[in-house]
């Protein structure tokens, strides 16, 4: 029996840079991990950083851990797409690994702060999709930081004092989601990703496809 169902049509497109930012403890790391698990065409951008490794972190998987001197050399050689100083340490995104993936149609996930997002907007606005994740309340944010037990009381207090400044940059982002429920927040972020992949300007193969339609093919 013949089928009238058309085969799936795949049109080549340029990848996008999906940025998730939030105050520490608002859930961007959890959302990032879940997104990567559910979407095989989304790849985590692995930053370079000068901060020490935390327990359970692996060099080249979570971050590329480098010295202050090496970081400075990368900045001088313009090898970083963005870089920033956060809590006394430097973070940056290697330019080459991102640009090659975007050209091949792969999407890159960034877990960076507002400073890095501003630089990405300056350097590659057309490729950028930025999402800011807000906590449901400041009290809930503090509870999450204390519950995860990764940092000392002093560090938690420092992160809380910086949260207001981080939140003040919410209006610079394309999308805002409130993480009062992880599953709902995850669904909203994935919906954003799905819609942004369909943006006309990302469809590098659309011109040829439409030409074929107009030619009657």
Foldseek 3Di string as FASTA:
>chain_A
DDDPDDDDDDFAFFAAEEEEEAQPQQQPVVLVVVVVVVDVLEAEFAKEKQDDDAPPDDDPPNHPHDHPVVVVVCVVVVQFLFKDDDPNMIITTGDPVVVVSRRRHGYYYHYDAPRRVVSNCVRPVVRYAYEYEYEPDLVSSLVSVVVVPRDDPVVSVVSSVCRVVRVVCRVVHPYYYYPPDSVVRSVVSVVVVVVVCPDPNGRPRVVVVVVCVVVVD
